[in-house]
Amino acid sequence: MTNSGASDYLASVRGRFAISRDNAKNTLYLQLNSLRSED
């Protein structure tokens, strides 16, 4: 995720993972859904 908020993903995780950040908490997140063994 860039400082302007643009984001992108590895093709194999697009649609399953989501990146986000909380500026107030200085924390970056990665939500991982529909996990596979190859993750």
Full PDB file with SEQRES, HELIX, SHEET, SSBOND, CRYST1, ORIGX, SCALE, CONECT and MASTER records, all heavy atoms in Angstrom:
SEQRES   1 A   39  MET THR ASN SER GLY ALA SER ASP TYR LEU ALA SER VAL          
SEQRES   2 A   39  ARG GLY ARG PHE ALA ILE SER ARG ASP ASN ALA LYS ASN          
SEQRES   3 A   39  THR LEU TYR LEU GLN LEU ASN SER LEU ARG SER GLU ASP          
SHEET    1 AA1 2 PHE A  17  ASP A  22  0                                        
SHEET    2 AA1 2 THR A  27  LEU A  32 -1                                        
CRYST1    1.000    1.000    1.000  90.00  90.00  90.00 P 1           1          
ORIGX1      1.000000  0.000000  0.000000        0.00000                         
ORIGX2      0.000000  1.000000  0.000000        0.00000                         
ORIGX3      0.000000  0.000000  1.000000        0.00000                         
SCALE1      1.000000  0.000000  0.000000        0.00000                         
SCALE2      0.000000  1.000000  0.000000        0.00000                         
SCALE3      0.000000  0.000000  1.000000        0.00000                         
ATOM      1  N   MET A   1       0.864  -1.168   0.000  1.00  0.00           N  
ATOM      2  CA  MET A   1       0.000   0.000   0.000  1.00  0.00           C  
ATOM      3  C   MET A   1       0.907   1.225   0.000  1.00  0.00           C  
ATOM      4  O   MET A   1       1.772   1.359   0.873  1.00  0.00           O  
ATOM      5  CB  MET A   1      -0.929   0.011   1.213  1.00  0.00           C  
ATOM      6  CG  MET A   1      -1.811   1.245   1.296  1.00  0.00           C  
ATOM      7  SD  MET A   1      -2.971   1.175   2.677  1.00  0.00           S  
ATOM      8  CE  MET A   1      -4.176   0.009   2.034  1.00  0.00           C  
ATOM      9  N   THR A   2       0.708   2.122  -0.956  1.00  0.00           N  
ATOM     10  CA  THR A   2       1.519   3.330  -1.031  1.00  0.00           C  
ATOM     11  C   THR A   2       1.033   4.371  -0.026  1.00  0.00           C  
ATOM     12  O   THR A   2      -0.041   4.220   0.564  1.00  0.00           O  
ATOM     13  CB  THR A   2       1.479   3.934  -2.436  1.00  0.00           C  
ATOM     14  OG1 THR A   2       0.159   4.433  -2.663  1.00  0.00           O  
ATOM     15  CG2 THR A   2       1.823   2.899  -3.495  1.00  0.00           C  
ATOM     16  N   ASN A   3       1.788   5.450   0.131  1.00  0.00           N  
ATOM     17  CA  ASN A   3       1.368   6.469   1.099  1.00  0.00           C  
ATOM     18  C   ASN A   3       0.134   7.217   0.620  1.00  0.00           C  
ATOM     19  O   ASN A   3      -0.528   7.881   1.415  1.00  0.00           O  
ATOM     20  CB  ASN A   3       2.506   7.411   1.440  1.00  0.00           C  
ATOM     21  CG  ASN A   3       2.931   8.280   0.279  1.00  0.00           C  
ATOM     22  OD1 ASN A   3       2.456   8.107  -0.831  1.00  0.00           O  
ATOM     23  ND2 ASN A   3       3.845   9.189   0.527  1.00  0.00           N  
ATOM     24  N   SER A   4      -0.211   7.092  -0.653  1.00  0.00           N  
ATOM     25  CA  SER A   4      -1.446   7.700  -1.163  1.00  0.00           C  
ATOM     26  C   SER A   4      -2.636   6.750  -1.051  1.00  0.00           C  
ATOM     27  O   SER A   4      -3.757   7.126  -1.395  1.00  0.00           O  
ATOM     28  CB  SER A   4      -1.271   8.122  -2.618  1.00  0.00           C  
ATOM     29  OG  SER A   4      -1.037   6.993  -3.437  1.00  0.00           O  
ATOM     30  N   GLY A   5      -2.379   5.519  -0.603  1.00  0.00           N  
ATOM     31  CA  GLY A   5      -3.472   4.568  -0.407  1.00  0.00           C  
ATOM     32  C   GLY A   5      -3.676   3.565  -1.520  1.00  0.00           C  
ATOM     33  O   GLY A   5      -4.528   2.682  -1.406  1.00  0.00           O  
ATOM     34  N   ALA A   6      -2.925   3.685  -2.585  1.00  0.00           N  
ATOM     35  CA  ALA A   6      -3.027   2.695  -3.665  1.00  0.00           C  
ATOM     36  C   ALA A   6      -2.473   1.363  -3.179  1.00  0.00           C  
ATOM     37  O   ALA A   6      -1.527   1.320  -2.381  1.00  0.00           O  
ATOM     38  CB  ALA A   6      -2.270   3.173  -4.888  1.00  0.00           C  
ATOM     39  N   SER A   7      -3.047   0.276  -3.657  1.00  0.00           N  
ATOM     40  CA  SER A   7      -2.596  -1.056  -3.225  1.00  0.00           C  
ATOM     41  C   SER A   7      -2.624  -2.026  -4.384  1.00  0.00           C  
ATOM     42  O   SER A   7      -3.313  -1.816  -5.381  1.00  0.00           O  
ATOM     43  CB  SER A   7      -3.464  -1.569  -2.071  1.00  0.00           C  
ATOM     44  OG  SER A   7      -4.812  -1.701  -2.485  1.00  0.00           O  
ATOM     45  N   ASP A   8      -1.885  -3.090  -4.230  1.00  0.00           N  
ATOM     46  CA  ASP A   8      -1.904  -4.157  -5.225  1.00  0.00           C  
ATOM     47  C   ASP A   8      -1.432  -5.440  -4.551  1.00  0.00           C  
ATOM     48  O   ASP A   8      -0.888  -5.407  -3.442  1.00  0.00           O  
ATOM     49  CB  ASP A   8      -1.038  -3.830  -6.425  1.00  0.00           C  
ATOM     50  CG  ASP A   8      -1.467  -4.589  -7.674  1.00  0.00           C  
ATOM     51  OD1 ASP A   8      -2.432  -5.415  -7.584  1.00  0.00           O  
ATOM     52  OD2 ASP A   8      -0.857  -4.387  -8.731  1.00  0.00           O  
ATOM     53  N   TYR A   9      -1.652  -6.554  -5.264  1.00  0.00           N  
ATOM     54  CA  TYR A   9      -1.439  -7.866  -4.672  1.00  0.00           C  
ATOM     55  C   TYR A   9      -0.745  -8.821  -5.633  1.00  0.00           C  
ATOM     56  O   TYR A   9      -0.859  -8.694  -6.861  1.00  0.00           O  
ATOM     57  CB  TYR A   9      -2.798  -8.488  -4.288  1.00  0.00           C  
ATOM     58  CG  TYR A   9      -3.571  -7.663  -3.296  1.00  0.00           C  
ATOM     59  CD1 TYR A   9      -4.408  -6.629  -3.704  1.00  0.00           C  
ATOM     60  CD2 TYR A   9      -3.444  -7.910  -1.930  1.00  0.00           C  
ATOM     61  CE1 TYR A   9      -5.104  -5.861  -2.785  1.00  0.00           C  
ATOM     62  CE2 TYR A   9      -4.135  -7.148  -1.006  1.00  0.00           C  
ATOM     63  CZ  TYR A   9      -4.962  -6.119  -1.444  1.00  0.00           C  
ATOM     64  OH  TYR A   9      -5.641  -5.360  -0.530  1.00  0.00           O  
ATOM     65  N   LEU A  10      -0.073  -9.792  -5.058  1.00  0.00           N  
ATOM     66  CA  LEU A  10       0.410 -10.934  -5.808  1.00  0.00           C  
ATOM     67  C   LEU A  10      -0.800 -11.605  -6.460  1.00  0.00           C  
ATOM     68  O   LEU A  10      -1.851 -11.738  -5.815  1.00  0.00           O  
ATOM     69  CB  LEU A  10       1.114 -11.890  -4.841  1.00  0.00           C  
ATOM     70  CG  LEU A  10       1.719 -13.162  -5.383  1.00  0.00           C  
ATOM     71  CD1 LEU A  10       2.933 -12.840  -6.253  1.00  0.00           C  
ATOM     72  CD2 LEU A  10       2.129 -14.070  -4.209  1.00  0.00           C  
ATOM     73  N   ALA A  11      -0.663 -12.028  -7.708  1.00  0.00           N  
ATOM     74  CA  ALA A  11      -1.819 -12.554  -8.442  1.00  0.00           C  
ATOM     75  C   ALA A  11      -2.496 -13.716  -7.707  1.00  0.00           C  
ATOM     76  O   ALA A  11      -3.727 -13.821  -7.685  1.00  0.00           O  
ATOM     77  CB  ALA A  11      -1.386 -12.979  -9.839  1.00  0.00           C  
ATOM     78  N   SER A  12      -1.706 -14.576  -7.086  1.00  0.00           N  
ATOM     79  CA  SER A  12      -2.275 -15.773  -6.460  1.00  0.00           C  
ATOM     80  C   SER A  12      -3.065 -15.473  -5.191  1.00  0.00           C  
ATOM     81  O   SER A  12      -3.786 -16.347  -4.694  1.00  0.00           O  
ATOM     82  CB  SER A  12      -1.168 -16.778  -6.156  1.00  0.00           C  
ATOM     83  OG  SER A  12      -0.236 -16.245  -5.232  1.00  0.00           O  
ATOM     84  N   VAL A  13      -2.955 -14.258  -4.648  1.00  0.00           N  
ATOM     85  CA  VAL A  13      -3.703 -13.923  -3.430  1.00  0.00           C  
ATOM     86  C   VAL A  13      -4.767 -12.871  -3.690  1.00  0.00           C  
ATOM     87  O   VAL A  13      -5.572 -12.584  -2.797  1.00  0.00           O  
ATOM     88  CB  VAL A  13      -2.770 -13.439  -2.298  1.00  0.00           C  
ATOM     89  CG1 VAL A  13      -1.630 -14.415  -2.075  1.00  0.00           C  
ATOM     90  CG2 VAL A  13      -2.253 -12.041  -2.546  1.00  0.00           C  
ATOM     91  N   ARG A  14      -4.775 -12.300  -4.883  1.00  0.00           N  
ATOM     92  CA  ARG A  14      -5.751 -11.244  -5.181  1.00  0.00           C  
ATOM     93  C   ARG A  14      -7.162 -11.798  -5.029  1.00  0.00           C  
ATOM     94  O   ARG A  14      -7.492 -12.863  -5.537  1.00  0.00           O  
ATOM     95  CB  ARG A  14      -5.523 -10.710  -6.592  1.00  0.00           C  
ATOM     96  CG  ARG A  14      -6.277  -9.418  -6.880  1.00  0.00           C  
ATOM     97  CD  ARG A  14      -5.886  -8.861  -8.239  1.00  0.00           C  
ATOM     98  NE  ARG A  14      -4.526  -8.313  -8.229  1.00  0.00           N  
ATOM     99  CZ  ARG A  14      -3.552  -8.716  -9.052  1.00  0.00           C  
ATOM    100  NH1 ARG A  14      -3.787  -9.682  -9.923  1.00  0.00           N  
ATOM    101  NH2 ARG A  14      -2.360  -8.176  -8.996  1.00  0.00           N  
ATOM    102  N   GLY A  15      -8.000 -11.047  -4.315  1.00  0.00           N  
ATOM    103  CA  GLY A  15      -9.363 -11.496  -4.059  1.00  0.00           C  
ATOM    104  C   GLY A  15      -9.507 -12.297  -2.775  1.00  0.00           C  
ATOM    105  O   GLY A  15     -10.621 -12.513  -2.300  1.00  0.00           O  
ATOM    106  N   ARG A  16      -8.378 -12.745  -2.203  1.00  0.00           N  
ATOM    107  CA  ARG A  16      -8.421 -13.507  -0.951  1.00  0.00           C  
ATOM    108  C   ARG A  16      -7.791 -12.736   0.204  1.00  0.00           C  
ATOM    109  O   ARG A  16      -8.207 -12.888   1.350  1.00  0.00           O  
ATOM    110  CB  ARG A  16      -7.678 -14.841  -1.122  1.00  0.00           C  
ATOM    111  CG  ARG A  16      -8.263 -15.742  -2.187  1.00  0.00           C  
ATOM    112  CD  ARG A  16      -7.625 -17.134  -2.141  1.00  0.00           C  
ATOM    113  NE  ARG A  16      -6.195 -17.111  -2.445  1.00  0.00           N  
ATOM    114  CZ  ARG A  16      -5.240 -17.553  -1.621  1.00  0.00           C  
ATOM    115  NH1 ARG A  16      -5.556 -18.055  -0.432  1.00  0.00           N  
ATOM    116  NH2 ARG A  16      -3.966 -17.524  -1.998  1.00  0.00           N  
ATOM    117  N   PHE A  17      -6.776 -11.939  -0.091  1.00  0.00           N  
ATOM    118  CA  PHE A  17      -6.076 -11.168   0.935  1.00  0.00           C  
ATOM    119  C   PHE A  17      -6.435  -9.686   0.792  1.00  0.00           C  
ATOM    120  O   PHE A  17      -6.726  -9.207  -0.316  1.00  0.00           O  
ATOM    121  CB  PHE A  17      -4.560 -11.313   0.794  1.00  0.00           C  
ATOM    122  CG  PHE A  17      -4.003 -12.679   1.100  1.00  0.00           C  
ATOM    123  CD1 PHE A  17      -4.831 -13.762   1.356  1.00  0.00           C  
ATOM    124  CD2 PHE A  17      -2.631 -12.879   1.128  1.00  0.00           C  
ATOM    125  CE1 PHE A  17      -4.317 -15.020   1.643  1.00  0.00           C  
ATOM    126  CE2 PHE A  17      -2.093 -14.119   1.412  1.00  0.00           C  
ATOM    127  CZ  PHE A  17      -2.934 -15.185   1.659  1.00  0.00           C  
ATOM    128  N   ALA A  18      -6.376  -8.969   1.896  1.00  0.00           N  
ATOM    129  CA  ALA A  18      -6.650  -7.535   1.862  1.00  0.00           C  
ATOM    130  C   ALA A  18      -5.692  -6.806   2.792  1.00  0.00           C  
ATOM    131  O   ALA A  18      -5.589  -7.152   3.980  1.00  0.00           O  
ATOM    132  CB  ALA A  18      -8.090  -7.245   2.258  1.00  0.00           C  
ATOM    133  N   ILE A  19      -5.024  -5.794   2.262  1.00  0.00           N  
ATOM    134  CA  ILE A  19      -4.094  -4.984   3.051  1.00  0.00           C  
ATOM    135  C   ILE A  19      -4.808  -3.720   3.498  1.00  0.00           C  
ATOM    136  O   ILE A  19      -5.625  -3.152   2.758  1.00  0.00           O  
ATOM    137  CB  ILE A  19      -2.820  -4.654   2.234  1.00  0.00           C  
ATOM    138  CG1 ILE A  19      -1.759  -4.011   3.117  1.00  0.00           C  
ATOM    139  CG2 ILE A  19      -3.137  -3.799   1.018  1.00  0.00           C  
ATOM    140  CD1 ILE A  19      -0.399  -3.867   2.427  1.00  0.00           C  
ATOM    141  N   SER A  20      -4.524  -3.287   4.712  1.00  0.00           N  
ATOM    142  CA  SER A  20      -5.109  -2.054   5.221  1.00  0.00           C  
ATOM    143  C   SER A  20      -4.176  -1.479   6.276  1.00  0.00           C  
ATOM    144  O   SER A  20      -3.242  -2.156   6.723  1.00  0.00           O  
ATOM    145  CB  SER A  20      -6.493  -2.299   5.816  1.00  0.00           C  
ATOM    146  OG  SER A  20      -6.414  -3.189   6.921  1.00  0.00           O  
ATOM    147  N   ARG A  21      -4.420  -0.250   6.653  1.00  0.00           N  
ATOM    148  CA  ARG A  21      -3.606   0.353   7.709  1.00  0.00           C  
ATOM    149  C   ARG A  21      -4.463   1.271   8.556  1.00  0.00           C  
ATOM    150  O   ARG A  21      -5.456   1.828   8.089  1.00  0.00           O  
ATOM    151  CB  ARG A  21      -2.399   1.092   7.144  1.00  0.00           C  
ATOM    152  CG  ARG A  21      -2.695   2.366   6.382  1.00  0.00           C  
ATOM    153  CD  ARG A  21      -1.393   3.044   5.997  1.00  0.00           C  
ATOM    154  NE  ARG A  21      -1.621   4.372   5.453  1.00  0.00           N  
ATOM    155  CZ  ARG A  21      -1.412   4.700   4.197  1.00  0.00           C  
ATOM    156  NH1 ARG A  21      -0.974   3.781   3.342  1.00  0.00           N  
ATOM    157  NH2 ARG A  21      -1.603   5.921   3.782  1.00  0.00           N  
ATOM    158  N   ASP A  22      -4.070   1.387   9.813  1.00  0.00           N  
ATOM    159  CA  ASP A  22      -4.711   2.294  10.769  1.00  0.00           C  
ATOM    160  C   ASP A  22      -3.652   3.322  11.147  1.00  0.00           C  
ATOM    161  O   ASP A  22      -2.734   3.011  11.915  1.00  0.00           O  
ATOM    162  CB  ASP A  22      -5.206   1.505  11.980  1.00  0.00           C  
ATOM    163  CG  ASP A  22      -5.984   2.375  12.950  1.00  0.00           C  
ATOM    164  OD1 ASP A  22      -5.679   3.583  13.070  1.00  0.00           O  
ATOM    165  OD2 ASP A  22      -6.874   1.839  13.632  1.00  0.00           O  
ATOM    166  N   ASN A  23      -3.766   4.519  10.593  1.00  0.00           N  
ATOM    167  CA  ASN A  23      -2.745   5.536  10.842  1.00  0.00           C  
ATOM    168  C   ASN A  23      -2.700   5.955  12.305  1.00  0.00           C  
ATOM    169  O   ASN A  23      -1.629   6.244  12.835  1.00  0.00           O  
ATOM    170  CB  ASN A  23      -2.995   6.751   9.955  1.00  0.00           C  
ATOM    171  CG  ASN A  23      -2.772   6.443   8.491  1.00  0.00           C  
ATOM    172  OD1 ASN A  23      -1.941   5.598   8.136  1.00  0.00           O  
ATOM    173  ND2 ASN A  23      -3.524   7.106   7.622  1.00  0.00           N  
ATOM    174  N   ALA A  24      -3.841   5.975  12.949  1.00  0.00           N  
ATOM    175  CA  ALA A  24      -3.888   6.389  14.351  1.00  0.00           C  
ATOM    176  C   ALA A  24      -3.131   5.404  15.239  1.00  0.00           C  
ATOM    177  O   ALA A  24      -2.546   5.790  16.250  1.00  0.00           O  
ATOM    178  CB  ALA A  24      -5.334   6.525  14.804  1.00  0.00           C  
ATOM    179  N   LYS A  25      -3.165   4.135  14.870  1.00  0.00           N  
ATOM    180  CA  LYS A  25      -2.495   3.105  15.665  1.00  0.00           C  
ATOM    181  C   LYS A  25      -1.126   2.751  15.109  1.00  0.00           C  
ATOM    182  O   LYS A  25      -0.439   1.884  15.662  1.00  0.00           O  
ATOM    183  CB  LYS A  25      -3.361   1.848  15.729  1.00  0.00           C  
ATOM    184  CG  LYS A  25      -4.676   2.037  16.454  1.00  0.00           C  
ATOM    185  CD  LYS A  25      -5.451   0.734  16.520  1.00  0.00           C  
ATOM    186  CE  LYS A  25      -6.751   0.912  17.288  1.00  0.00           C  
ATOM    187  NZ  LYS A  25      -7.527  -0.358  17.346  1.00  0.00           N  
ATOM    188  N   ASN A  26      -0.716   3.382  13.993  1.00  0.00           N  
ATOM    189  CA  ASN A  26       0.551   3.045  13.334  1.00  0.00           C  
ATOM    190  C   ASN A  26       0.670   1.543  13.107  1.00  0.00           C  
ATOM    191  O   ASN A  26       1.694   0.914  13.429  1.00  0.00           O  
ATOM    192  CB  ASN A  26       1.740   3.531  14.161  1.00  0.00           C  
ATOM    193  CG  ASN A  26       1.865   5.040  14.141  1.00  0.00           C  
ATOM    194  OD1 ASN A  26       1.494   5.694  13.170  1.00  0.00           O  
ATOM    195  ND2 ASN A  26       2.378   5.594  15.210  1.00  0.00           N  
ATOM    196  N   THR A  27      -0.388   0.974  12.585  1.00  0.00           N  
ATOM    197  CA  THR A  27      -0.436  -0.475  12.399  1.00  0.00           C  
ATOM    198  C   THR A  27      -0.869  -0.812  10.979  1.00  0.00           C  
ATOM    199  O   THR A  27      -1.797  -0.201  10.450  1.00  0.00           O  
ATOM    200  CB  THR A  27      -1.404  -1.125  13.400  1.00  0.00           C  
ATOM    201  OG1 THR A  27      -0.962  -0.821  14.735  1.00  0.00           O  
ATOM    202  CG2 THR A  27      -1.433  -2.636  13.240  1.00  0.00           C  
ATOM    203  N   LEU A  28      -0.185  -1.770  10.416  1.00  0.00           N  
ATOM    204  CA  LEU A  28      -0.503  -2.305   9.095  1.00  0.00           C  
ATOM    205  C   LEU A  28      -1.131  -3.674   9.289  1.00  0.00           C  
ATOM    206  O   LEU A  28      -0.712  -4.431  10.175  1.00  0.00           O  
ATOM    207  CB  LEU A  28       0.775  -2.424   8.261  1.00  0.00           C  
ATOM    208  CG  LEU A  28       0.654  -2.962   6.849  1.00  0.00           C  
ATOM    209  CD1 LEU A  28      -0.050  -1.945   5.947  1.00  0.00           C  
ATOM    210  CD2 LEU A  28       2.042  -3.299   6.287  1.00  0.00           C  
ATOM    211  N   TYR A  29      -2.125  -3.996   8.469  1.00  0.00           N  
ATOM    212  CA  TYR A  29      -2.814  -5.278   8.591  1.00  0.00           C  
ATOM    213  C   TYR A  29      -2.787  -6.035   7.266  1.00  0.00           C  
ATOM    214  O   TYR A  29      -2.660  -5.447   6.184  1.00  0.00           O  
ATOM    215  CB  TYR A  29      -4.283  -5.065   8.982  1.00  0.00           C  
ATOM    216  CG  TYR A  29      -4.483  -4.342  10.282  1.00  0.00           C  
ATOM    217  CD1 TYR A  29      -4.777  -2.983  10.311  1.00  0.00           C  
ATOM    218  CD2 TYR A  29      -4.369  -5.017  11.499  1.00  0.00           C  
ATOM    219  CE1 TYR A  29      -4.952  -2.310  11.513  1.00  0.00           C  
ATOM    220  CE2 TYR A  29      -4.547  -4.357  12.697  1.00  0.00           C  
ATOM    221  CZ  TYR A  29      -4.841  -2.999  12.700  1.00  0.00           C  
ATOM    222  OH  TYR A  29      -5.014  -2.348  13.895  1.00  0.00           O  
ATOM    223  N   LEU A  30      -2.924  -7.330   7.378  1.00  0.00           N  
ATOM    224  CA  LEU A  30      -3.154  -8.170   6.202  1.00  0.00           C  
ATOM    225  C   LEU A  30      -4.194  -9.207   6.587  1.00  0.00           C  
ATOM    226  O   LEU A  30      -3.939 -10.053   7.442  1.00  0.00           O  
ATOM    227  CB  LEU A  30      -1.878  -8.855   5.723  1.00  0.00           C  
ATOM    228  CG  LEU A  30      -2.018  -9.618   4.404  1.00  0.00           C  
ATOM    229  CD1 LEU A  30      -2.260  -8.643   3.244  1.00  0.00           C  
ATOM    230  CD2 LEU A  30      -0.769 -10.457   4.118  1.00  0.00           C  
ATOM    231  N   GLN A  31      -5.368  -9.085   5.978  1.00  0.00           N  
ATOM    232  CA  GLN A  31      -6.438 -10.062   6.188  1.00  0.00           C  
ATOM    233  C   GLN A  31      -6.254 -11.191   5.194  1.00  0.00           C  
ATOM    234  O   GLN A  31      -6.195 -10.950   3.977  1.00  0.00           O  
ATOM    235  CB  GLN A  31      -7.808  -9.398   5.993  1.00  0.00           C  
ATOM    236  CG  GLN A  31      -8.988 -10.326   6.158  1.00  0.00           C  
ATOM    237  CD  GLN A  31      -9.182 -10.797   7.586  1.00  0.00           C  
ATOM    238  OE1 GLN A  31      -9.010 -10.030   8.531  1.00  0.00           O  
ATOM    239  NE2 GLN A  31      -9.521 -12.068   7.747  1.00  0.00           N  
ATOM    240  N   LEU A  32      -6.161 -12.414   5.709  1.00  0.00           N  
ATOM    241  CA  LEU A  32      -5.963 -13.586   4.867  1.00  0.00           C  
ATOM    242  C   LEU A  32      -7.214 -14.447   4.931  1.00  0.00           C  
ATOM    243  O   LEU A  32      -7.585 -14.947   5.990  1.00  0.00           O  
ATOM    244  CB  LEU A  32      -4.777 -14.410   5.366  1.00  0.00           C  
ATOM    245  CG  LEU A  32      -3.349 -13.896   5.191  1.00  0.00           C  
ATOM    246  CD1 LEU A  32      -3.089 -12.640   5.999  1.00  0.00           C  
ATOM    247  CD2 LEU A  32      -2.351 -14.962   5.568  1.00  0.00           C  
ATOM    248  N   ASN A  33      -7.893 -14.598   3.802  1.00  0.00           N  
ATOM    249  CA  ASN A  33      -9.106 -15.410   3.719  1.00  0.00           C  
ATOM    250  C   ASN A  33      -8.903 -16.562   2.734  1.00  0.00           C  
ATOM    251  O   ASN A  33      -7.989 -16.528   1.909  1.00  0.00           O  
ATOM    252  CB  ASN A  33     -10.294 -14.556   3.264  1.00  0.00           C  
ATOM    253  CG  ASN A  33     -10.635 -13.439   4.222  1.00  0.00           C  
ATOM    254  OD1 ASN A  33     -10.522 -13.591   5.441  1.00  0.00           O  
ATOM    255  ND2 ASN A  33     -11.039 -12.303   3.679  1.00  0.00           N  
ATOM    256  N   SER A  34      -9.767 -17.546   2.853  1.00  0.00           N  
ATOM    257  CA  SER A  34      -9.722 -18.707   1.940  1.00  0.00           C  
ATOM    258  C   SER A  34      -8.315 -19.265   1.814  1.00  0.00           C  
ATOM    259  O   SER A  34      -7.811 -19.492   0.712  1.00  0.00           O  
ATOM    260  CB  SER A  34     -10.260 -18.304   0.558  1.00  0.00           C  
ATOM    261  OG  SER A  34     -11.580 -17.806   0.655  1.00  0.00           O  
ATOM    262  N   LEU A  35      -7.682 -19.473   2.950  1.00  0.00           N  
ATOM    263  CA  LEU A  35      -6.280 -19.883   2.956  1.00  0.00           C  
ATOM    264  C   LEU A  35      -6.090 -21.267   2.350  1.00  0.00           C  
ATOM    265  O   LEU A  35      -6.946 -22.155   2.486  1.00  0.00           O  
ATOM    266  CB  LEU A  35      -5.732 -19.839   4.381  1.00  0.00           C  
ATOM    267  CG  LEU A  35      -5.391 -18.415   4.852  1.00  0.00           C  
ATOM    268  CD1 LEU A  35      -5.299 -18.357   6.364  1.00  0.00           C  
ATOM    269  CD2 LEU A  35      -4.081 -17.964   4.223  1.00  0.00           C  
ATOM    270  N   ARG A  36      -4.960 -21.411   1.695  1.00  0.00           N  
ATOM    271  CA  ARG A  36      -4.577 -22.662   1.021  1.00  0.00           C  
ATOM    272  C   ARG A  36      -3.242 -23.141   1.592  1.00  0.00           C  
ATOM    273  O   ARG A  36      -2.486 -22.356   2.164  1.00  0.00           O  
ATOM    274  CB  ARG A  36      -4.427 -22.416  -0.483  1.00  0.00           C  
ATOM    275  CG  ARG A  36      -5.635 -21.788  -1.148  1.00  0.00           C  
ATOM    276  CD  ARG A  36      -5.296 -21.305  -2.542  1.00  0.00           C  
ATOM    277  NE  ARG A  36      -6.432 -20.672  -3.201  1.00  0.00           N  
ATOM    278  CZ  ARG A  36      -6.341 -19.977  -4.342  1.00  0.00           C  
ATOM    279  NH1 ARG A  36      -5.157 -19.850  -4.940  1.00  0.00           N  
ATOM    280  NH2 ARG A  36      -7.423 -19.449  -4.875  1.00  0.00           N  
ATOM    281  N   SER A  37      -2.953 -24.397   1.384  1.00  0.00           N  
ATOM    282  CA  SER A  37      -1.698 -24.937   1.897  1.00  0.00           C  
ATOM    283  C   SER A  37      -0.499 -24.188   1.328  1.00  0.00           C  
ATOM    284  O   SER A  37       0.510 -24.009   2.019  1.00  0.00           O  
ATOM    285  CB  SER A  37      -1.602 -26.426   1.582  1.00  0.00           C  
ATOM    286  OG  SER A  37      -1.687 -26.650   0.188  1.00  0.00           O  
ATOM    287  N   GLU A  38      -0.618 -23.728   0.097  1.00  0.00           N  
ATOM    288  CA  GLU A  38       0.498 -23.006  -0.520  1.00  0.00           C  
ATOM    289  C   GLU A  38       0.714 -21.606   0.036  1.00  0.00           C  
ATOM    290  O   GLU A  38       1.678 -20.938  -0.343  1.00  0.00           O  
ATOM    291  CB  GLU A  38       0.328 -22.931  -2.052  1.00  0.00           C  
ATOM    292  CG  GLU A  38      -0.979 -22.325  -2.512  1.00  0.00           C  
ATOM    293  CD  GLU A  38      -2.025 -23.383  -2.851  1.00  0.00           C  
ATOM    294  OE1 GLU A  38      -2.103 -24.409  -2.142  1.00  0.00           O  
ATOM    295  OE2 GLU A  38      -2.783 -23.158  -3.823  1.00  0.00           O  
ATOM    296  N   ASP A  39      -0.168 -21.167   0.918  1.00  0.00           N  
ATOM    297  CA  ASP A  39       0.026 -19.882   1.604  1.00  0.00           C  
ATOM    298  C   ASP A  39       0.921 -20.034   2.833  1.00  0.00           C  
ATOM    299  O   ASP A  39       1.273 -19.033   3.468  1.00  0.00           O  
ATOM    300  CB  ASP A  39      -1.314 -19.289   2.028  1.00  0.00           C  
ATOM    301  CG  ASP A  39      -2.205 -18.944   0.845  1.00  0.00           C  
ATOM    302  OD1 ASP A  39      -1.686 -18.399  -0.145  1.00  0.00           O  
ATOM    303  OD2 ASP A  39      -3.421 -19.219   0.927  1.00  0.00           O  
TER     304      ASP A  39                                                      
MASTER        0    0    0    0    2    0    0    6  303    1    0    3          
END                                                                             
